[in-house]
């Protein structure tokens, strides 16, 4: 019944919060990308499928490590993905003049579809996200063949998402943004 579902969900939230707090170290390159965005005067926000209760400590931890989005829209604050609502709330908050100038970066299919539904450029993250699902240290312990197998698996799964770009890590984002800017200057739309 609904009471049992609510009890199970509440127990899950407590477990999820504890795990998020244990795994809130930035992905290598994320801090550098935030610095790049700040130097280039690019405003940025984020969306997540996690609830606000789940991400409170994670947001503070990320800020302490140098990743400080101006806007964070949690999963319980907008229509669920793949609705464009979370991205659009970010764009309104950040005063983005045109959706076609925005870039949505995500490591999940619903997150990419969220960006596509909003009309943004989209970048799917393969290796340092949900598709591979390994922490950085575990990834480093893999041999070259195992890494390539994981990379190919992730690429195969994400290739049907419809993202404009697929990258191994958020660390690749600056070069992708340069390319997107060139495409925008040439009159291309997402």
Foldseek 3Di string as FASTA:
>chain_A
DVVVVVVVVVVVLVVLLVVCLVPLDDDPQQLVVLVVCVVVVHAFEEEELAACSSCVVSQVVCVVVRHHHPYYHYNVRFPHFPALTRVVVGCVVVVPPDLQLDEFEEQDLRSQSSSVNSQYQYEHAFACDDQLPDDPVVLVPDDPVVNVVSRVSRCVVCVPSPHPYYYNDCNCVVVVNVVSVVCVVVVDGD
